[in-house]
Amino acid sequence: MNSTTKTILAVTAIAAAVLFYLSYFVVDQKHKALVLRFGDIDRVVEEPGLYFKLPFADTVTLIDNRIQIWENNGRPVQDVASQVYIVDAFTLARINNARLFRETLGADMMQAEQRVGARLDAALRQTYGRRSFDAALSSDRAAMMREIRDQLREEADALGIEIVDVRVRRTDLSSNVLEQTYDRMKSERNALAQDIRSQGESTKTRMNAETDRTVTEKLALAKKEAEILRGQGDADRNKVFAEAFEQDPEFFAFYRSMQAYQKALGGGTTMVLSPNSEFFRYFSDQKAGGSTAPQPVPVPAPAQPAQ
């Protein structure tokens, strides 16, 4: 075999290797493949494996088959009260129709993210515009996310994109609205505190008045009962004195006189009286055999019991 033949065989082998290299392609589990023949879609390969194509006529475009996470942060929206809020959300999407995705978006993943993000902005405005801010922070939030997801699916299906889920990560007030909200909340809490304080003062005043009235009533009742008891005691005492007087008038008069001496002369009292005064009758000496029995010192009648 001469050198020319060897050269031809070498060139043929190289050409065959090049043709074989250009005739197959591999699709892994993370991608789908679009086989284009002269720019038109020939077929869609969705299963992983080794495939063949026509060299120079067919081209292969790989499309990511995994779930994509598209962030949409800092989106301004208005609620039903026209207050502006800042919303952070993200979309979980996947290419489920490679042919339609190629025909509508040219199989451009960045363009797909922009289209879905624009539709998400509109869905956020529509959903938040029908509700108050409190609804976004309550149990209605899950229903809002489902509503946004359903709105996205209507347009994404036409692009060959499947919207797996939509999640709202943060809903916050804008800086100016946040300050106004804090001021309003502060005013409401101050008003509530003042109202509670006023109710407390009213309750305190009423309780003090009721307590004072109860104390006054109880003191009056106690004084009344004390006067009754005192009157009853005085009556019993007078009765005892009267019974004692009936049994021995002379001794009773002497006893009352001694009590009068003790009260009048006790404690260093100075009195200027005549020795012959009736008050000192029991201090004078009795003359033997002649005088009559001394008369008792007149004693005031006992006080009558209070009624």
C-alpha atoms as a PDB file:
ATOM      1  CA  MET A   1       0.000   0.000   0.000  1.00  0.00           C
ATOM      2  CA  ASN A   2       1.554   3.221  -1.179  1.00  0.00           C
ATOM      3  CA  SER A   3       1.575   6.481   0.638  1.00  0.00           C
ATOM      4  CA  THR A   4      -1.270   7.939  -1.389  1.00  0.00           C
ATOM      5  CA  THR A   5      -3.575   5.128  -0.410  1.00  0.00           C
ATOM      6  CA  LYS A   6      -2.624   5.522   3.189  1.00  0.00           C
ATOM      7  CA  THR A   7      -3.354   9.214   3.032  1.00  0.00           C
ATOM      8  CA  ILE A   8      -6.784   8.624   1.477  1.00  0.00           C
ATOM      9  CA  LEU A   9      -7.626   6.047   4.103  1.00  0.00           C
ATOM     10  CA  ALA A  10      -6.504   8.369   6.878  1.00  0.00           C
ATOM     11  CA  VAL A  11      -8.552  11.232   5.515  1.00  0.00           C
ATOM     12  CA  THR A  12     -11.555   8.931   5.127  1.00  0.00           C
ATOM     13  CA  ALA A  13     -11.209   7.711   8.698  1.00  0.00           C
ATOM     14  CA  ILE A  14     -10.940  11.236  10.004  1.00  0.00           C
ATOM     15  CA  ALA A  15     -13.969  12.308   7.974  1.00  0.00           C
ATOM     16  CA  ALA A  16     -15.924   9.300   9.239  1.00  0.00           C
ATOM     17  CA  ALA A  17     -14.962  10.139  12.837  1.00  0.00           C
ATOM     18  CA  VAL A  18     -15.984  13.745  12.340  1.00  0.00           C
ATOM     19  CA  LEU A  19     -19.280  12.660  10.771  1.00  0.00           C
ATOM     20  CA  PHE A  20     -19.885  10.239  13.638  1.00  0.00           C
ATOM     21  CA  TYR A  21     -19.054  12.954  16.182  1.00  0.00           C
ATOM     22  CA  LEU A  22     -21.486  15.322  14.464  1.00  0.00           C
ATOM     23  CA  SER A  23     -24.178  12.659  14.208  1.00  0.00           C
ATOM     24  CA  TYR A  24     -24.855  11.936  17.900  1.00  0.00           C
ATOM     25  CA  PHE A  25     -25.743  13.890  20.990  1.00  0.00           C
ATOM     26  CA  VAL A  26     -26.380  13.041  24.623  1.00  0.00           C
ATOM     27  CA  VAL A  27     -29.322  14.203  26.699  1.00  0.00           C
ATOM     28  CA  ASP A  28     -28.901  13.986  30.492  1.00  0.00           C
ATOM     29  CA  GLN A  29     -31.594  13.929  33.169  1.00  0.00           C
ATOM     30  CA  LYS A  30     -31.421  17.675  33.752  1.00  0.00           C
ATOM     31  CA  HIS A  31     -32.313  18.725  30.201  1.00  0.00           C
ATOM     32  CA  LYS A  32     -34.666  18.340  27.301  1.00  0.00           C
ATOM     33  CA  ALA A  33     -33.433  18.591  23.715  1.00  0.00           C
ATOM     34  CA  LEU A  34     -34.883  20.331  20.678  1.00  0.00           C
ATOM     35  CA  VAL A  35     -33.627  18.940  17.360  1.00  0.00           C
ATOM     36  CA  LEU A  36     -33.795  21.677  14.723  1.00  0.00           C
ATOM     37  CA  ARG A  37     -33.443  20.870  11.031  1.00  0.00           C
ATOM     38  CA  PHE A  38     -32.552  23.941   9.008  1.00  0.00           C
ATOM     39  CA  GLY A  39     -33.985  26.122  11.829  1.00  0.00           C
ATOM     40  CA  ASP A  40     -37.295  24.316  12.131  1.00  0.00           C
ATOM     41  CA  ILE A  41     -38.206  21.997  14.981  1.00  0.00           C
ATOM     42  CA  ASP A  42     -37.822  18.393  13.856  1.00  0.00           C
ATOM     43  CA  ARG A  43     -38.438  16.621  17.145  1.00  0.00           C
ATOM     44  CA  VAL A  44     -38.321  17.004  20.917  1.00  0.00           C
ATOM     45  CA  VAL A  45     -36.258  14.631  23.039  1.00  0.00           C
ATOM     46  CA  GLU A  46     -37.437  14.462  26.641  1.00  0.00           C
ATOM     47  CA  GLU A  47     -35.877  11.191  27.847  1.00  0.00           C
ATOM     48  CA  PRO A  48     -32.176  10.993  28.780  1.00  0.00           C
ATOM     49  CA  GLY A  49     -29.914   8.892  26.535  1.00  0.00           C
ATOM     50  CA  LEU A  50     -27.776   8.773  23.361  1.00  0.00           C
ATOM     51  CA  TYR A  51     -29.444  10.054  20.155  1.00  0.00           C
ATOM     52  CA  PHE A  52     -28.441  10.666  16.537  1.00  0.00           C
ATOM     53  CA  LYS A  53     -29.015  13.510  14.120  1.00  0.00           C
ATOM     54  CA  LEU A  54     -28.108  14.508  10.578  1.00  0.00           C
ATOM     55  CA  PRO A  55     -24.731  16.218  10.496  1.00  0.00           C
ATOM     56  CA  PHE A  56     -24.732  19.828   9.307  1.00  0.00           C
ATOM     57  CA  ALA A  57     -28.519  19.724   8.845  1.00  0.00           C
ATOM     58  CA  ASP A  58     -29.632  19.242  12.433  1.00  0.00           C
ATOM     59  CA  THR A  59     -28.751  21.342  15.470  1.00  0.00           C
ATOM     60  CA  VAL A  60     -29.587  20.560  19.083  1.00  0.00           C
ATOM     61  CA  THR A  61     -30.811  23.065  21.668  1.00  0.00           C
ATOM     62  CA  LEU A  62     -30.760  21.923  25.282  1.00  0.00           C
ATOM     63  CA  ILE A  63     -33.434  23.255  27.620  1.00  0.00           C
ATOM     64  CA  ASP A  64     -33.146  23.005  31.387  1.00  0.00           C
ATOM     65  CA  ASN A  65     -35.763  20.601  32.723  1.00  0.00           C
ATOM     66  CA  ARG A  66     -35.316  21.524  36.432  1.00  0.00           C
ATOM     67  CA  ILE A  67     -37.512  23.777  38.546  1.00  0.00           C
ATOM     68  CA  GLN A  68     -36.360  27.364  38.241  1.00  0.00           C
ATOM     69  CA  ILE A  69     -36.509  29.882  41.096  1.00  0.00           C
ATOM     70  CA  TRP A  70     -37.195  33.395  39.837  1.00  0.00           C
ATOM     71  CA  GLU A  71     -36.895  36.147  42.435  1.00  0.00           C
ATOM     72  CA  ASN A  72     -39.138  39.230  42.377  1.00  0.00           C
ATOM     73  CA  ASN A  73     -38.127  41.502  45.234  1.00  0.00           C
ATOM     74  CA  GLY A  74     -39.036  45.049  46.191  1.00  0.00           C
ATOM     75  CA  ARG A  75     -42.258  45.210  44.174  1.00  0.00           C
ATOM     76  CA  PRO A  76     -44.439  48.234  45.140  1.00  0.00           C
ATOM     77  CA  VAL A  77     -48.164  47.479  45.392  1.00  0.00           C
ATOM     78  CA  GLN A  78     -51.223  49.300  46.695  1.00  0.00           C
ATOM     79  CA  ASP A  79     -53.999  47.922  48.838  1.00  0.00           C
ATOM     80  CA  VAL A  80     -57.666  48.830  48.720  1.00  0.00           C
ATOM     81  CA  ALA A  81     -56.927  51.929  50.847  1.00  0.00           C
ATOM     82  CA  SER A  82     -54.281  53.113  48.319  1.00  0.00           C
ATOM     83  CA  GLN A  83     -51.434  52.554  50.766  1.00  0.00           C
ATOM     84  CA  VAL A  84     -48.142  51.515  49.178  1.00  0.00           C
ATOM     85  CA  TYR A  85     -46.409  48.352  50.360  1.00  0.00           C
ATOM     86  CA  ILE A  86     -43.222  46.571  49.366  1.00  0.00           C
ATOM     87  CA  VAL A  87     -43.578  42.882  48.474  1.00  0.00           C
ATOM     88  CA  ASP A  88     -40.872  40.234  48.025  1.00  0.00           C
ATOM     89  CA  ALA A  89     -42.009  37.134  46.136  1.00  0.00           C
ATOM     90  CA  PHE A  90     -40.501  34.274  44.171  1.00  0.00           C
ATOM     91  CA  THR A  91     -41.843  31.947  41.507  1.00  0.00           C
ATOM     92  CA  LEU A  92     -41.133  28.235  41.059  1.00  0.00           C
ATOM     93  CA  ALA A  93     -41.423  27.375  37.353  1.00  0.00           C
ATOM     94  CA  ARG A  94     -40.438  24.630  34.941  1.00  0.00           C
ATOM     95  CA  ILE A  95     -40.420  24.258  31.131  1.00  0.00           C
ATOM     96  CA  ASN A  96     -43.058  21.634  30.384  1.00  0.00           C
ATOM     97  CA  ASN A  97     -43.527  22.232  26.639  1.00  0.00           C
ATOM     98  CA  ALA A  98     -40.181  22.668  24.929  1.00  0.00           C
ATOM     99  CA  ARG A  99     -41.687  23.132  21.451  1.00  0.00           C
ATOM    100  CA  LEU A 100     -44.023  25.908  22.578  1.00  0.00           C
ATOM    101  CA  PHE A 101     -41.236  27.479  24.635  1.00  0.00           C
ATOM    102  CA  ARG A 102     -39.018  27.605  21.508  1.00  0.00           C
ATOM    103  CA  GLU A 103     -41.777  29.036  19.320  1.00  0.00           C
ATOM    104  CA  THR A 104     -42.841  31.800  21.725  1.00  0.00           C
ATOM    105  CA  LEU A 105     -39.653  32.802  23.533  1.00  0.00           C
ATOM    106  CA  GLY A 106     -36.924  31.355  21.330  1.00  0.00           C
ATOM    107  CA  ALA A 107     -35.928  28.990  24.158  1.00  0.00           C
ATOM    108  CA  ASP A 108     -34.450  31.981  26.022  1.00  0.00           C
ATOM    109  CA  MET A 109     -34.659  31.364  29.774  1.00  0.00           C
ATOM    110  CA  MET A 110     -33.859  34.984  30.660  1.00  0.00           C
ATOM    111  CA  GLN A 111     -36.682  36.236  28.492  1.00  0.00           C
ATOM    112  CA  ALA A 112     -38.990  33.718  30.112  1.00  0.00           C
ATOM    113  CA  GLU A 113     -38.078  35.023  33.573  1.00  0.00           C
ATOM    114  CA  GLN A 114     -38.769  38.599  32.481  1.00  0.00           C
ATOM    115  CA  ARG A 115     -42.177  37.715  31.000  1.00  0.00           C
ATOM    116  CA  VAL A 116     -43.245  35.787  34.080  1.00  0.00           C
ATOM    117  CA  GLY A 117     -41.923  38.561  36.367  1.00  0.00           C
ATOM    118  CA  ALA A 118     -43.950  41.195  34.517  1.00  0.00           C
ATOM    119  CA  ARG A 119     -47.082  39.060  34.801  1.00  0.00           C
ATOM    120  CA  LEU A 120     -46.337  38.515  38.495  1.00  0.00           C
ATOM    121  CA  ASP A 121     -46.239  42.284  39.079  1.00  0.00           C
ATOM    122  CA  ALA A 122     -49.695  42.624  37.544  1.00  0.00           C
ATOM    123  CA  ALA A 123     -51.053  39.713  39.573  1.00  0.00           C
ATOM    124  CA  LEU A 124     -49.655  41.180  42.786  1.00  0.00           C
ATOM    125  CA  ARG A 125     -51.284  44.554  42.119  1.00  0.00           C
ATOM    126  CA  GLN A 126     -54.624  42.992  41.295  1.00  0.00           C
ATOM    127  CA  THR A 127     -54.619  40.706  44.317  1.00  0.00           C
ATOM    128  CA  TYR A 128     -53.456  43.292  46.852  1.00  0.00           C
ATOM    129  CA  GLY A 129     -55.682  45.972  45.333  1.00  0.00           C
ATOM    130  CA  ARG A 130     -58.791  44.041  46.372  1.00  0.00           C
ATOM    131  CA  ARG A 131     -57.725  43.612  50.004  1.00  0.00           C
ATOM    132  CA  SER A 132     -56.543  45.522  53.021  1.00  0.00           C
ATOM    133  CA  PHE A 133     -53.055  45.247  54.454  1.00  0.00           C
ATOM    134  CA  ASP A 134     -54.335  43.210  57.396  1.00  0.00           C
ATOM    135  CA  ALA A 135     -55.500  40.495  55.000  1.00  0.00           C
ATOM    136  CA  ALA A 136     -51.922  39.930  53.839  1.00  0.00           C
ATOM    137  CA  LEU A 137     -50.886  39.281  57.440  1.00  0.00           C
ATOM    138  CA  SER A 138     -53.767  36.967  58.295  1.00  0.00           C
ATOM    139  CA  SER A 139     -54.987  33.538  57.234  1.00  0.00           C
ATOM    140  CA  ASP A 140     -56.073  35.081  53.901  1.00  0.00           C
ATOM    141  CA  ARG A 141     -52.427  35.182  52.818  1.00  0.00           C
ATOM    142  CA  ALA A 142     -52.451  31.563  51.611  1.00  0.00           C
ATOM    143  CA  ALA A 143     -55.524  32.250  49.490  1.00  0.00           C
ATOM    144  CA  MET A 144     -53.798  35.319  48.035  1.00  0.00           C
ATOM    145  CA  MET A 145     -50.757  33.271  46.962  1.00  0.00           C
ATOM    146  CA  ARG A 146     -52.992  30.675  45.296  1.00  0.00           C
ATOM    147  CA  GLU A 147     -54.833  33.451  43.493  1.00  0.00           C
ATOM    148  CA  ILE A 148     -51.561  34.949  42.210  1.00  0.00           C
ATOM    149  CA  ARG A 149     -50.354  31.517  41.094  1.00  0.00           C
ATOM    150  CA  ASP A 150     -53.562  30.848  39.158  1.00  0.00           C
ATOM    151  CA  GLN A 151     -53.281  34.203  37.377  1.00  0.00           C
ATOM    152  CA  LEU A 152     -49.692  33.421  36.366  1.00  0.00           C
ATOM    153  CA  ARG A 153     -50.612  30.000  35.051  1.00  0.00           C
ATOM    154  CA  GLU A 154     -53.029  31.431  32.488  1.00  0.00           C
ATOM    155  CA  GLU A 155     -50.218  33.226  30.643  1.00  0.00           C
ATOM    156  CA  ALA A 156     -47.363  30.854  31.474  1.00  0.00           C
ATOM    157  CA  ASP A 157     -49.171  27.871  29.911  1.00  0.00           C
ATOM    158  CA  ALA A 158     -49.246  29.760  26.613  1.00  0.00           C
ATOM    159  CA  LEU A 159     -45.450  30.083  26.812  1.00  0.00           C
ATOM    160  CA  GLY A 160     -44.821  26.416  27.514  1.00  0.00           C
ATOM    161  CA  ILE A 161     -43.979  27.153  31.178  1.00  0.00           C
ATOM    162  CA  GLU A 162     -45.501  25.394  34.154  1.00  0.00           C
ATOM    163  CA  ILE A 163     -45.927  27.539  37.285  1.00  0.00           C
ATOM    164  CA  VAL A 164     -45.297  25.170  40.162  1.00  0.00           C
ATOM    165  CA  ASP A 165     -45.914  27.649  42.955  1.00  0.00           C
ATOM    166  CA  VAL A 166     -45.758  31.314  43.952  1.00  0.00           C
ATOM    167  CA  ARG A 167     -44.692  32.434  47.417  1.00  0.00           C
ATOM    168  CA  VAL A 168     -44.870  35.865  49.044  1.00  0.00           C
ATOM    169  CA  ARG A 169     -41.856  36.098  51.304  1.00  0.00           C
ATOM    170  CA  ARG A 170     -42.296  39.589  52.743  1.00  0.00           C
ATOM    171  CA  THR A 171     -44.985  42.247  52.828  1.00  0.00           C
ATOM    172  CA  ASP A 172     -43.868  45.490  54.415  1.00  0.00           C
ATOM    173  CA  LEU A 173     -44.892  49.105  54.518  1.00  0.00           C
ATOM    174  CA  SER A 174     -42.973  51.689  52.569  1.00  0.00           C
ATOM    175  CA  SER A 175     -40.888  54.073  54.673  1.00  0.00           C
ATOM    176  CA  ASN A 176     -43.338  56.992  54.658  1.00  0.00           C
ATOM    177  CA  VAL A 177     -46.401  54.792  55.154  1.00  0.00           C
ATOM    178  CA  LEU A 178     -44.570  52.893  57.891  1.00  0.00           C
ATOM    179  CA  GLU A 179     -43.917  56.105  59.806  1.00  0.00           C
ATOM    180  CA  GLN A 180     -47.533  57.196  59.399  1.00  0.00           C
ATOM    181  CA  THR A 181     -48.730  53.803  60.556  1.00  0.00           C
ATOM    182  CA  TYR A 182     -46.519  53.937  63.633  1.00  0.00           C
ATOM    183  CA  ASP A 183     -47.832  57.396  64.472  1.00  0.00           C
ATOM    184  CA  ARG A 184     -51.421  56.253  64.019  1.00  0.00           C
ATOM    185  CA  MET A 185     -50.866  53.163  66.137  1.00  0.00           C
ATOM    186  CA  LYS A 186     -49.192  55.288  68.810  1.00  0.00           C
ATOM    187  CA  SER A 187     -52.141  57.710  68.840  1.00  0.00           C
ATOM    188  CA  GLU A 188     -54.622  54.842  69.052  1.00  0.00           C
ATOM    189  CA  ARG A 189     -52.735  53.243  71.928  1.00  0.00           C
ATOM    190  CA  ASN A 190     -52.458  56.573  73.751  1.00  0.00           C
ATOM    191  CA  ALA A 191     -56.184  57.141  73.329  1.00  0.00           C
ATOM    192  CA  LEU A 192     -56.901  53.630  74.560  1.00  0.00           C
ATOM    193  CA  ALA A 193     -54.582  54.115  77.536  1.00  0.00           C
ATOM    194  CA  GLN A 194     -56.257  57.428  78.376  1.00  0.00           C
ATOM    195  CA  ASP A 195     -59.678  55.809  78.160  1.00  0.00           C
ATOM    196  CA  ILE A 196     -58.586  52.973  80.456  1.00  0.00           C
ATOM    197  CA  ARG A 197     -57.007  55.499  82.817  1.00  0.00           C
ATOM    198  CA  SER A 198     -60.243  57.522  82.881  1.00  0.00           C
ATOM    199  CA  GLN A 199     -62.267  54.410  83.594  1.00  0.00           C
ATOM    200  CA  GLY A 200     -59.856  53.543  86.383  1.00  0.00           C
ATOM    201  CA  GLU A 201     -60.171  57.014  87.918  1.00  0.00           C
ATOM    202  CA  SER A 202     -63.959  56.788  87.686  1.00  0.00           C
ATOM    203  CA  THR A 203     -63.933  53.371  89.335  1.00  0.00           C
ATOM    204  CA  LYS A 204     -61.558  54.658  92.016  1.00  0.00           C
ATOM    205  CA  THR A 205     -63.782  57.653  92.769  1.00  0.00           C
ATOM    206  CA  ARG A 206     -66.887  55.485  92.935  1.00  0.00           C
ATOM    207  CA  MET A 207     -65.198  52.918  95.176  1.00  0.00           C
ATOM    208  CA  ASN A 208     -63.870  55.662  97.476  1.00  0.00           C
ATOM    209  CA  ALA A 209     -67.343  57.190  97.720  1.00  0.00           C
ATOM    210  CA  GLU A 210     -68.900  53.815  98.436  1.00  0.00           C
ATOM    211  CA  THR A 211     -66.195  53.083 101.038  1.00  0.00           C
ATOM    212  CA  ASP A 212     -66.689  56.454 102.743  1.00  0.00           C
ATOM    213  CA  ARG A 213     -70.446  55.954 102.787  1.00  0.00           C
ATOM    214  CA  THR A 214     -70.053  52.449 104.211  1.00  0.00           C
ATOM    215  CA  VAL A 215     -67.645  53.714 106.887  1.00  0.00           C
ATOM    216  CA  THR A 216     -70.005  56.554 107.804  1.00  0.00           C
ATOM    217  CA  GLU A 217     -72.981  54.212 107.994  1.00  0.00           C
ATOM    218  CA  LYS A 218     -71.086  51.688 110.108  1.00  0.00           C
ATOM    219  CA  LEU A 219     -69.762  54.405 112.447  1.00  0.00           C
ATOM    220  CA  ALA A 220     -73.243  55.848 112.858  1.00  0.00           C
ATOM    221  CA  LEU A 221     -74.664  52.408 113.525  1.00  0.00           C
ATOM    222  CA  ALA A 222     -71.873  51.653 115.991  1.00  0.00           C
ATOM    223  CA  LYS A 223     -72.437  54.964 117.790  1.00  0.00           C
ATOM    224  CA  LYS A 224     -76.150  54.278 117.907  1.00  0.00           C
ATOM    225  CA  GLU A 225     -75.594  50.828 119.360  1.00  0.00           C
ATOM    226  CA  ALA A 226     -73.020  52.249 121.803  1.00  0.00           C
ATOM    227  CA  GLU A 227     -75.466  54.920 123.007  1.00  0.00           C
ATOM    228  CA  ILE A 228     -78.163  52.298 123.410  1.00  0.00           C
ATOM    229  CA  LEU A 229     -75.802  50.063 125.363  1.00  0.00           C
ATOM    230  CA  ARG A 230     -74.609  53.014 127.442  1.00  0.00           C
ATOM    231  CA  GLY A 231     -78.199  54.001 128.213  1.00  0.00           C
ATOM    232  CA  GLN A 232     -79.055  50.450 129.151  1.00  0.00           C
ATOM    233  CA  GLY A 233     -75.976  50.340 131.393  1.00  0.00           C
ATOM    234  CA  ASP A 234     -76.912  53.608 133.054  1.00  0.00           C
ATOM    235  CA  ALA A 235     -80.427  52.323 133.613  1.00  0.00           C
ATOM    236  CA  ASP A 236     -79.121  49.120 135.158  1.00  0.00           C
ATOM    237  CA  ARG A 237     -76.716  51.117 137.332  1.00  0.00           C
ATOM    238  CA  ASN A 238     -79.497  53.458 138.513  1.00  0.00           C
ATOM    239  CA  LYS A 239     -81.667  50.467 139.241  1.00  0.00           C
ATOM    240  CA  VAL A 240     -78.898  48.919 141.343  1.00  0.00           C
ATOM    241  CA  PHE A 241     -78.376  52.256 143.172  1.00  0.00           C
ATOM    242  CA  ALA A 242     -82.110  52.574 143.759  1.00  0.00           C
ATOM    243  CA  GLU A 243     -82.311  49.061 145.192  1.00  0.00           C
ATOM    244  CA  ALA A 244     -79.286  49.759 147.403  1.00  0.00           C
ATOM    245  CA  PHE A 245     -80.805  53.039 148.594  1.00  0.00           C
ATOM    246  CA  GLU A 246     -84.033  51.295 149.575  1.00  0.00           C
ATOM    247  CA  GLN A 247     -82.161  48.688 151.630  1.00  0.00           C
ATOM    248  CA  ASP A 248     -79.951  51.145 153.643  1.00  0.00           C
ATOM    249  CA  PRO A 249     -80.444  54.842 152.900  1.00  0.00           C
ATOM    250  CA  GLU A 250     -77.916  55.980 155.515  1.00  0.00           C
ATOM    251  CA  PHE A 251     -75.110  53.801 154.177  1.00  0.00           C
ATOM    252  CA  PHE A 252     -75.975  54.783 150.600  1.00  0.00           C
ATOM    253  CA  ALA A 253     -75.750  58.456 151.482  1.00  0.00           C
ATOM    254  CA  PHE A 254     -72.407  57.861 153.230  1.00  0.00           C
ATOM    255  CA  TYR A 255     -71.074  55.911 150.213  1.00  0.00           C
ATOM    256  CA  ARG A 256     -72.078  58.608 147.755  1.00  0.00           C
ATOM    257  CA  SER A 257     -70.487  61.248 149.928  1.00  0.00           C
ATOM    258  CA  MET A 258     -67.199  59.313 150.004  1.00  0.00           C
ATOM    259  CA  GLN A 259     -67.266  59.121 146.184  1.00  0.00           C
ATOM    260  CA  ALA A 260     -67.852  62.851 146.015  1.00  0.00           C
ATOM    261  CA  TYR A 261     -64.869  63.447 148.374  1.00  0.00           C
ATOM    262  CA  GLN A 262     -62.641  61.199 146.231  1.00  0.00           C
ATOM    263  CA  LYS A 263     -63.523  62.985 142.988  1.00  0.00           C
ATOM    264  CA  ALA A 264     -63.378  66.493 144.428  1.00  0.00           C
ATOM    265  CA  LEU A 265     -60.280  66.188 146.586  1.00  0.00           C
ATOM    266  CA  GLY A 266     -58.217  63.785 144.506  1.00  0.00           C
ATOM    267  CA  GLY A 267     -55.245  64.943 142.429  1.00  0.00           C
ATOM    268  CA  GLY A 268     -54.221  67.821 144.696  1.00  0.00           C
ATOM    269  CA  THR A 269     -57.393  69.894 144.222  1.00  0.00           C
ATOM    270  CA  THR A 270     -57.526  73.113 146.264  1.00  0.00           C
ATOM    271  CA  MET A 271     -60.972  74.103 147.574  1.00  0.00           C
ATOM    272  CA  VAL A 272     -61.928  77.112 149.695  1.00  0.00           C
ATOM    273  CA  LEU A 273     -65.058  76.172 151.678  1.00  0.00           C
ATOM    274  CA  SER A 274     -66.390  76.781 155.135  1.00  0.00           C
ATOM    275  CA  PRO A 275     -65.726  73.924 157.578  1.00  0.00           C
ATOM    276  CA  ASN A 276     -69.387  73.996 158.452  1.00  0.00           C
ATOM    277  CA  SER A 277     -70.362  73.423 154.860  1.00  0.00           C
ATOM    278  CA  GLU A 278     -72.754  70.602 154.077  1.00  0.00           C
ATOM    279  CA  PHE A 279     -70.029  69.120 151.894  1.00  0.00           C
ATOM    280  CA  PHE A 280     -67.866  68.365 154.987  1.00  0.00           C
ATOM    281  CA  ARG A 281     -70.697  67.014 157.150  1.00  0.00           C
ATOM    282  CA  TYR A 282     -69.039  63.591 157.500  1.00  0.00           C
ATOM    283  CA  PHE A 283     -65.695  65.201 158.478  1.00  0.00           C
ATOM    284  CA  SER A 284     -67.076  67.000 161.541  1.00  0.00           C
ATOM    285  CA  ASP A 285     -67.095  65.377 165.025  1.00  0.00           C
ATOM    286  CA  GLN A 286     -70.490  64.271 166.390  1.00  0.00           C
ATOM    287  CA  LYS A 287     -71.427  65.668 169.765  1.00  0.00           C
ATOM    288  CA  ALA A 288     -72.106  62.992 172.328  1.00  0.00           C
ATOM    289  CA  GLY A 289     -75.698  62.267 173.169  1.00  0.00           C
ATOM    290  CA  GLY A 290     -77.266  65.186 171.568  1.00  0.00           C
ATOM    291  CA  SER A 291     -77.308  65.636 167.873  1.00  0.00           C
ATOM    292  CA  THR A 292     -79.337  63.889 165.344  1.00  0.00           C
ATOM    293  CA  ALA A 293     -77.816  61.725 162.664  1.00  0.00           C
ATOM    294  CA  PRO A 294     -75.960  63.694 159.979  1.00  0.00           C
ATOM    295  CA  GLN A 295     -77.848  64.344 156.808  1.00  0.00           C
ATOM    296  CA  PRO A 296     -76.355  63.013 153.594  1.00  0.00           C
ATOM    297  CA  VAL A 297     -74.863  65.294 151.047  1.00  0.00           C
ATOM    298  CA  PRO A 298     -77.397  65.905 148.307  1.00  0.00           C
ATOM    299  CA  VAL A 299     -76.433  63.942 145.247  1.00  0.00           C
ATOM    300  CA  PRO A 300     -77.661  64.858 141.788  1.00  0.00           C
ATOM    301  CA  ALA A 301     -80.164  62.500 140.255  1.00  0.00           C
ATOM    302  CA  PRO A 302     -78.567  59.970 137.873  1.00  0.00           C
ATOM    303  CA  ALA A 303     -78.762  60.733 134.163  1.00  0.00           C
ATOM    304  CA  GLN A 304     -81.578  59.172 132.192  1.00  0.00           C
ATOM    305  CA  PRO A 305     -80.582  56.650 129.537  1.00  0.00           C
ATOM    306  CA  ALA A 306     -80.340  57.993 125.985  1.00  0.00           C
ATOM    307  CA  GLN A 307     -83.136  56.944 123.699  1.00  0.00           C
END
